[in-house]
């Protein structure tokens, strides 16, 4: 379910990257900022609705995949964790696209590397194996990594969009060609 819902922000990330890049290419940095924020707002709205649906209807959604009551019971707790990270998963995906459109691929790479490999995975590993939380612990670690990535990339886009709006954008400042 989480992979299916992520397809919408993934598409918005691509659209946002294209619209931001085209606006910059046209010499309209303010339009680039608006394009990125629009993609982020659409992604956040969709993922918030997805998370709310997962919270409200976990068992009916899971029953689309199986009728095994044991599997549904086990997956229901994972569905709640997936619901919790929906917004942040969408934010990190769309912000990455907007930054990519502005020519910045380094910031998302570094932030996601740190958030997933230095935060999410170690916490998930600890909760799974040391705290005895099983697969739920791994998913909680994933959710925490996505939360930190979503917030960090949102702030990175905010900083980039502000620079665009002030007319301080240059491809050299985006890390292009370095």
C-alpha atoms as a PDB file:
ATOM      1  CA  UNK A   1       0.000   0.000   0.000  1.00  0.00           C
ATOM      2  CA  UNK A   2       2.792   2.434   0.886  1.00  0.00           C
ATOM      3  CA  UNK A   3       4.505   1.752  -2.427  1.00  0.00           C
ATOM      4  CA  UNK A   4       1.285   2.315  -4.345  1.00  0.00           C
ATOM      5  CA  UNK A   5       0.515   5.619  -2.631  1.00  0.00           C
ATOM      6  CA  UNK A   6       4.094   6.805  -3.198  1.00  0.00           C
ATOM      7  CA  UNK A   7       3.543   6.656  -6.968  1.00  0.00           C
ATOM      8  CA  UNK A   8       1.604   9.957  -6.856  1.00  0.00           C
ATOM      9  CA  UNK A   9       4.353  11.973  -5.119  1.00  0.00           C
ATOM     10  CA  UNK A  10       6.903  10.287  -7.352  1.00  0.00           C
ATOM     11  CA  UNK A  11       5.024  11.582 -10.385  1.00  0.00           C
ATOM     12  CA  UNK A  12       4.700  15.002  -8.752  1.00  0.00           C
ATOM     13  CA  UNK A  13       8.452  14.977  -8.081  1.00  0.00           C
ATOM     14  CA  UNK A  14       9.116  14.452 -11.787  1.00  0.00           C
ATOM     15  CA  UNK A  15       6.586  17.103 -12.781  1.00  0.00           C
ATOM     16  CA  UNK A  16       7.980  19.493 -10.177  1.00  0.00           C
ATOM     17  CA  UNK A  17      11.543  18.936 -11.414  1.00  0.00           C
ATOM     18  CA  UNK A  18      10.477  19.671 -14.981  1.00  0.00           C
ATOM     19  CA  UNK A  19       8.428  22.755 -14.102  1.00  0.00           C
ATOM     20  CA  UNK A  20      11.130  24.177 -11.814  1.00  0.00           C
ATOM     21  CA  UNK A  21      13.813  23.552 -14.420  1.00  0.00           C
ATOM     22  CA  UNK A  22      11.775  25.040 -17.250  1.00  0.00           C
ATOM     23  CA  UNK A  23      10.995  28.170 -15.228  1.00  0.00           C
ATOM     24  CA  UNK A  24      14.669  28.618 -14.411  1.00  0.00           C
ATOM     25  CA  UNK A  25      15.526  28.082 -18.080  1.00  0.00           C
ATOM     26  CA  UNK A  26      13.011  30.783 -19.048  1.00  0.00           C
ATOM     27  CA  UNK A  27      14.668  33.147 -16.574  1.00  0.00           C
ATOM     28  CA  UNK A  28      11.644  33.159 -14.238  1.00  0.00           C
ATOM     29  CA  UNK A  29      13.029  32.140 -10.851  1.00  0.00           C
ATOM     30  CA  UNK A  30       9.884  33.219  -8.958  1.00  0.00           C
ATOM     31  CA  UNK A  31       7.820  30.892 -11.152  1.00  0.00           C
ATOM     32  CA  UNK A  32      10.308  28.118 -10.358  1.00  0.00           C
ATOM     33  CA  UNK A  33       9.723  28.673  -6.648  1.00  0.00           C
ATOM     34  CA  UNK A  34       5.947  28.610  -7.103  1.00  0.00           C
ATOM     35  CA  UNK A  35       6.152  25.429  -9.194  1.00  0.00           C
ATOM     36  CA  UNK A  36       8.100  23.649  -6.478  1.00  0.00           C
ATOM     37  CA  UNK A  37       5.728  24.773  -3.741  1.00  0.00           C
ATOM     38  CA  UNK A  38       2.716  23.743  -5.811  1.00  0.00           C
ATOM     39  CA  UNK A  39       4.122  20.246  -6.326  1.00  0.00           C
ATOM     40  CA  UNK A  40       4.880  19.992  -2.597  1.00  0.00           C
ATOM     41  CA  UNK A  41       1.377  21.126  -1.636  1.00  0.00           C
ATOM     42  CA  UNK A  42      -0.226  18.600  -3.988  1.00  0.00           C
ATOM     43  CA  UNK A  43       2.012  15.811  -2.708  1.00  0.00           C
ATOM     44  CA  UNK A  44       1.357  16.715   0.935  1.00  0.00           C
ATOM     45  CA  UNK A  45      -2.406  16.847   0.372  1.00  0.00           C
ATOM     46  CA  UNK A  46      -2.500  13.472  -1.367  1.00  0.00           C
ATOM     47  CA  UNK A  47      -0.266  11.751   1.177  1.00  0.00           C
ATOM     48  CA  UNK A  48      -2.210  13.208   4.107  1.00  0.00           C
ATOM     49  CA  UNK A  49      -5.392  11.781   2.591  1.00  0.00           C
ATOM     50  CA  UNK A  50      -3.633   8.446   2.019  1.00  0.00           C
ATOM     51  CA  UNK A  51      -2.455   8.312   5.612  1.00  0.00           C
ATOM     52  CA  UNK A  52      -5.918   9.157   6.919  1.00  0.00           C
ATOM     53  CA  UNK A  53      -7.418   6.410   4.760  1.00  0.00           C
ATOM     54  CA  UNK A  54      -4.884   3.900   6.085  1.00  0.00           C
ATOM     55  CA  UNK A  55      -5.765   4.839   9.665  1.00  0.00           C
ATOM     56  CA  UNK A  56      -9.512   4.749   9.060  1.00  0.00           C
ATOM     57  CA  UNK A  57      -9.672   1.562   6.967  1.00  0.00           C
ATOM     58  CA  UNK A  58      -6.626  -0.648   7.591  1.00  0.00           C
ATOM     59  CA  UNK A  59      -8.438  -3.999   7.625  1.00  0.00           C
ATOM     60  CA  UNK A  60     -10.636  -3.353   4.559  1.00  0.00           C
ATOM     61  CA  UNK A  61      -7.583  -2.189   2.614  1.00  0.00           C
ATOM     62  CA  UNK A  62      -5.569  -5.205   3.692  1.00  0.00           C
ATOM     63  CA  UNK A  63      -8.410  -7.548   2.813  1.00  0.00           C
ATOM     64  CA  UNK A  64      -7.918  -6.496  -0.813  1.00  0.00           C
ATOM     65  CA  UNK A  65      -4.678  -8.508  -0.697  1.00  0.00           C
ATOM     66  CA  UNK A  66      -5.544 -11.466   1.524  1.00  0.00           C
ATOM     67  CA  UNK A  67      -8.340 -13.072   3.469  1.00  0.00           C
ATOM     68  CA  UNK A  68      -5.946 -14.627   6.021  1.00  0.00           C
ATOM     69  CA  UNK A  69      -6.963 -13.088   9.360  1.00  0.00           C
ATOM     70  CA  UNK A  70      -3.491 -13.667  10.832  1.00  0.00           C
ATOM     71  CA  UNK A  71      -1.804 -11.783   8.011  1.00  0.00           C
ATOM     72  CA  UNK A  72      -4.356  -8.982   8.253  1.00  0.00           C
ATOM     73  CA  UNK A  73      -3.845  -8.694  12.025  1.00  0.00           C
ATOM     74  CA  UNK A  74      -0.043  -8.581  11.649  1.00  0.00           C
ATOM     75  CA  UNK A  75      -0.181  -6.128   8.753  1.00  0.00           C
ATOM     76  CA  UNK A  76      -2.658  -3.801  10.494  1.00  0.00           C
ATOM     77  CA  UNK A  77       0.021  -2.516  12.897  1.00  0.00           C
ATOM     78  CA  UNK A  78       2.410  -2.011   9.978  1.00  0.00           C
ATOM     79  CA  UNK A  79      -0.338  -0.139   8.128  1.00  0.00           C
ATOM     80  CA  UNK A  80      -0.545   2.343  11.008  1.00  0.00           C
ATOM     81  CA  UNK A  81       3.209   2.967  10.797  1.00  0.00           C
ATOM     82  CA  UNK A  82       2.868   3.401   7.024  1.00  0.00           C
ATOM     83  CA  UNK A  83       0.038   5.879   7.648  1.00  0.00           C
ATOM     84  CA  UNK A  84       2.304   7.828  10.004  1.00  0.00           C
ATOM     85  CA  UNK A  85       5.053   8.245   7.416  1.00  0.00           C
ATOM     86  CA  UNK A  86       2.869   9.003   4.382  1.00  0.00           C
ATOM     87  CA  UNK A  87       3.160  12.795   4.616  1.00  0.00           C
ATOM     88  CA  UNK A  88       6.922  12.735   5.162  1.00  0.00           C
ATOM     89  CA  UNK A  89       7.512  10.163   2.432  1.00  0.00           C
ATOM     90  CA  UNK A  90       5.642  12.428   0.035  1.00  0.00           C
ATOM     91  CA  UNK A  91       7.524  15.524   1.192  1.00  0.00           C
ATOM     92  CA  UNK A  92      10.934  13.932   0.778  1.00  0.00           C
ATOM     93  CA  UNK A  93      10.081  12.617  -2.677  1.00  0.00           C
ATOM     94  CA  UNK A  94       8.611  15.832  -4.054  1.00  0.00           C
ATOM     95  CA  UNK A  95      11.231  18.084  -2.432  1.00  0.00           C
ATOM     96  CA  UNK A  96      13.932  15.936  -4.015  1.00  0.00           C
ATOM     97  CA  UNK A  97      12.308  16.501  -7.406  1.00  0.00           C
ATOM     98  CA  UNK A  98      11.990  20.255  -6.898  1.00  0.00           C
ATOM     99  CA  UNK A  99      15.631  20.499  -5.823  1.00  0.00           C
ATOM    100  CA  UNK A 100      16.655  18.375  -8.805  1.00  0.00           C
ATOM    101  CA  UNK A 101      14.816  20.777 -11.096  1.00  0.00           C
ATOM    102  CA  UNK A 102      16.789  23.619  -9.549  1.00  0.00           C
ATOM    103  CA  UNK A 103      19.996  21.762 -10.370  1.00  0.00           C
ATOM    104  CA  UNK A 104      20.693  20.535  -6.836  1.00  0.00           C
ATOM    105  CA  UNK A 105      21.191  16.785  -6.705  1.00  0.00           C
ATOM    106  CA  UNK A 106      23.869  16.774  -4.004  1.00  0.00           C
ATOM    107  CA  UNK A 107      21.694  18.021  -1.122  1.00  0.00           C
ATOM    108  CA  UNK A 108      19.022  15.316  -1.521  1.00  0.00           C
ATOM    109  CA  UNK A 109      21.702  12.644  -1.909  1.00  0.00           C
ATOM    110  CA  UNK A 110      23.514  13.630   1.276  1.00  0.00           C
ATOM    111  CA  UNK A 111      20.354  14.154   3.309  1.00  0.00           C
ATOM    112  CA  UNK A 112      18.757  10.878   2.291  1.00  0.00           C
ATOM    113  CA  UNK A 113      22.020   9.006   2.844  1.00  0.00           C
ATOM    114  CA  UNK A 114      22.232  10.363   6.387  1.00  0.00           C
ATOM    115  CA  UNK A 115      18.522  10.027   7.165  1.00  0.00           C
ATOM    116  CA  UNK A 116      18.118   6.459   5.945  1.00  0.00           C
ATOM    117  CA  UNK A 117      21.513   4.881   6.608  1.00  0.00           C
ATOM    118  CA  UNK A 118      22.624   6.801   9.714  1.00  0.00           C
ATOM    119  CA  UNK A 119      19.220   7.327  11.373  1.00  0.00           C
ATOM    120  CA  UNK A 120      16.441   5.084  10.048  1.00  0.00           C
ATOM    121  CA  UNK A 121      18.315   1.823   9.543  1.00  0.00           C
ATOM    122  CA  UNK A 122      20.233   1.838  12.864  1.00  0.00           C
ATOM    123  CA  UNK A 123      17.105   2.726  14.829  1.00  0.00           C
ATOM    124  CA  UNK A 124      15.123   0.077  12.968  1.00  0.00           C
ATOM    125  CA  UNK A 125      17.858  -2.481  13.592  1.00  0.00           C
ATOM    126  CA  UNK A 126      17.961  -1.623  17.294  1.00  0.00           C
ATOM    127  CA  UNK A 127      14.185  -1.779  17.694  1.00  0.00           C
ATOM    128  CA  UNK A 128      13.989  -5.029  15.731  1.00  0.00           C
ATOM    129  CA  UNK A 129      16.813  -6.973  17.336  1.00  0.00           C
ATOM    130  CA  UNK A 130      17.692  -5.318  20.665  1.00  0.00           C
ATOM    131  CA  UNK A 131      14.275  -4.064  21.735  1.00  0.00           C
ATOM    132  CA  UNK A 132      12.466  -7.159  20.463  1.00  0.00           C
ATOM    133  CA  UNK A 133       9.922  -5.256  18.355  1.00  0.00           C
ATOM    134  CA  UNK A 134      10.312  -7.520  15.321  1.00  0.00           C
ATOM    135  CA  UNK A 135       9.261  -6.254  11.915  1.00  0.00           C
ATOM    136  CA  UNK A 136       7.335  -3.405  13.564  1.00  0.00           C
ATOM    137  CA  UNK A 137      10.654  -2.061  14.886  1.00  0.00           C
ATOM    138  CA  UNK A 138      12.135  -2.051  11.407  1.00  0.00           C
ATOM    139  CA  UNK A 139       9.147  -0.121  10.078  1.00  0.00           C
ATOM    140  CA  UNK A 140       9.353   2.371  12.949  1.00  0.00           C
ATOM    141  CA  UNK A 141      13.000   2.990  12.043  1.00  0.00           C
ATOM    142  CA  UNK A 142      11.969   3.479   8.413  1.00  0.00           C
ATOM    143  CA  UNK A 143       9.276   5.927   9.506  1.00  0.00           C
ATOM    144  CA  UNK A 144      11.747   7.931  11.605  1.00  0.00           C
ATOM    145  CA  UNK A 145      14.221   8.087   8.723  1.00  0.00           C
ATOM    146  CA  UNK A 146      11.458   9.269   6.385  1.00  0.00           C
ATOM    147  CA  UNK A 147      10.289  11.839   8.933  1.00  0.00           C
ATOM    148  CA  UNK A 148      13.761  13.358   9.276  1.00  0.00           C
ATOM    149  CA  UNK A 149      14.343  13.214   5.493  1.00  0.00           C
ATOM    150  CA  UNK A 150      10.985  14.847   4.763  1.00  0.00           C
ATOM    151  CA  UNK A 151      11.582  17.694   7.193  1.00  0.00           C
ATOM    152  CA  UNK A 152      15.221  18.207   6.149  1.00  0.00           C
ATOM    153  CA  UNK A 153      14.430  18.216   2.425  1.00  0.00           C
ATOM    154  CA  UNK A 154      11.480  20.535   2.953  1.00  0.00           C
ATOM    155  CA  UNK A 155      13.801  23.012   4.685  1.00  0.00           C
ATOM    156  CA  UNK A 156      16.382  22.566   1.911  1.00  0.00           C
ATOM    157  CA  UNK A 157      13.709  23.410  -0.677  1.00  0.00           C
ATOM    158  CA  UNK A 158      12.514  26.348   1.425  1.00  0.00           C
ATOM    159  CA  UNK A 159      16.048  27.757   1.418  1.00  0.00           C
ATOM    160  CA  UNK A 160      16.411  27.184  -2.340  1.00  0.00           C
ATOM    161  CA  UNK A 161      12.967  28.646  -3.127  1.00  0.00           C
ATOM    162  CA  UNK A 162      13.759  31.734  -1.055  1.00  0.00           C
ATOM    163  CA  UNK A 163      16.981  32.210  -3.021  1.00  0.00           C
ATOM    164  CA  UNK A 164      15.021  31.820  -6.264  1.00  0.00           C
ATOM    165  CA  UNK A 165      12.459  34.411  -5.173  1.00  0.00           C
ATOM    166  CA  UNK A 166      15.243  36.856  -4.278  1.00  0.00           C
ATOM    167  CA  UNK A 167      16.857  36.292  -7.673  1.00  0.00           C
ATOM    168  CA  UNK A 168      19.981  34.796  -6.087  1.00  0.00           C
ATOM    169  CA  UNK A 169      19.904  31.615  -8.110  1.00  0.00           C
ATOM    170  CA  UNK A 170      22.742  30.449 -10.295  1.00  0.00           C
ATOM    171  CA  UNK A 171      23.571  27.011 -11.610  1.00  0.00           C
ATOM    172  CA  UNK A 172      26.972  27.302  -9.959  1.00  0.00           C
ATOM    173  CA  UNK A 173      25.235  27.812  -6.607  1.00  0.00           C
ATOM    174  CA  UNK A 174      23.150  24.698  -7.229  1.00  0.00           C
ATOM    175  CA  UNK A 175      26.173  22.489  -7.298  1.00  0.00           C
ATOM    176  CA  UNK A 176      25.980  21.891 -11.055  1.00  0.00           C
ATOM    177  CA  UNK A 177      29.301  21.162 -12.670  1.00  0.00           C
ATOM    178  CA  UNK A 178      31.101  20.498  -9.397  1.00  0.00           C
END
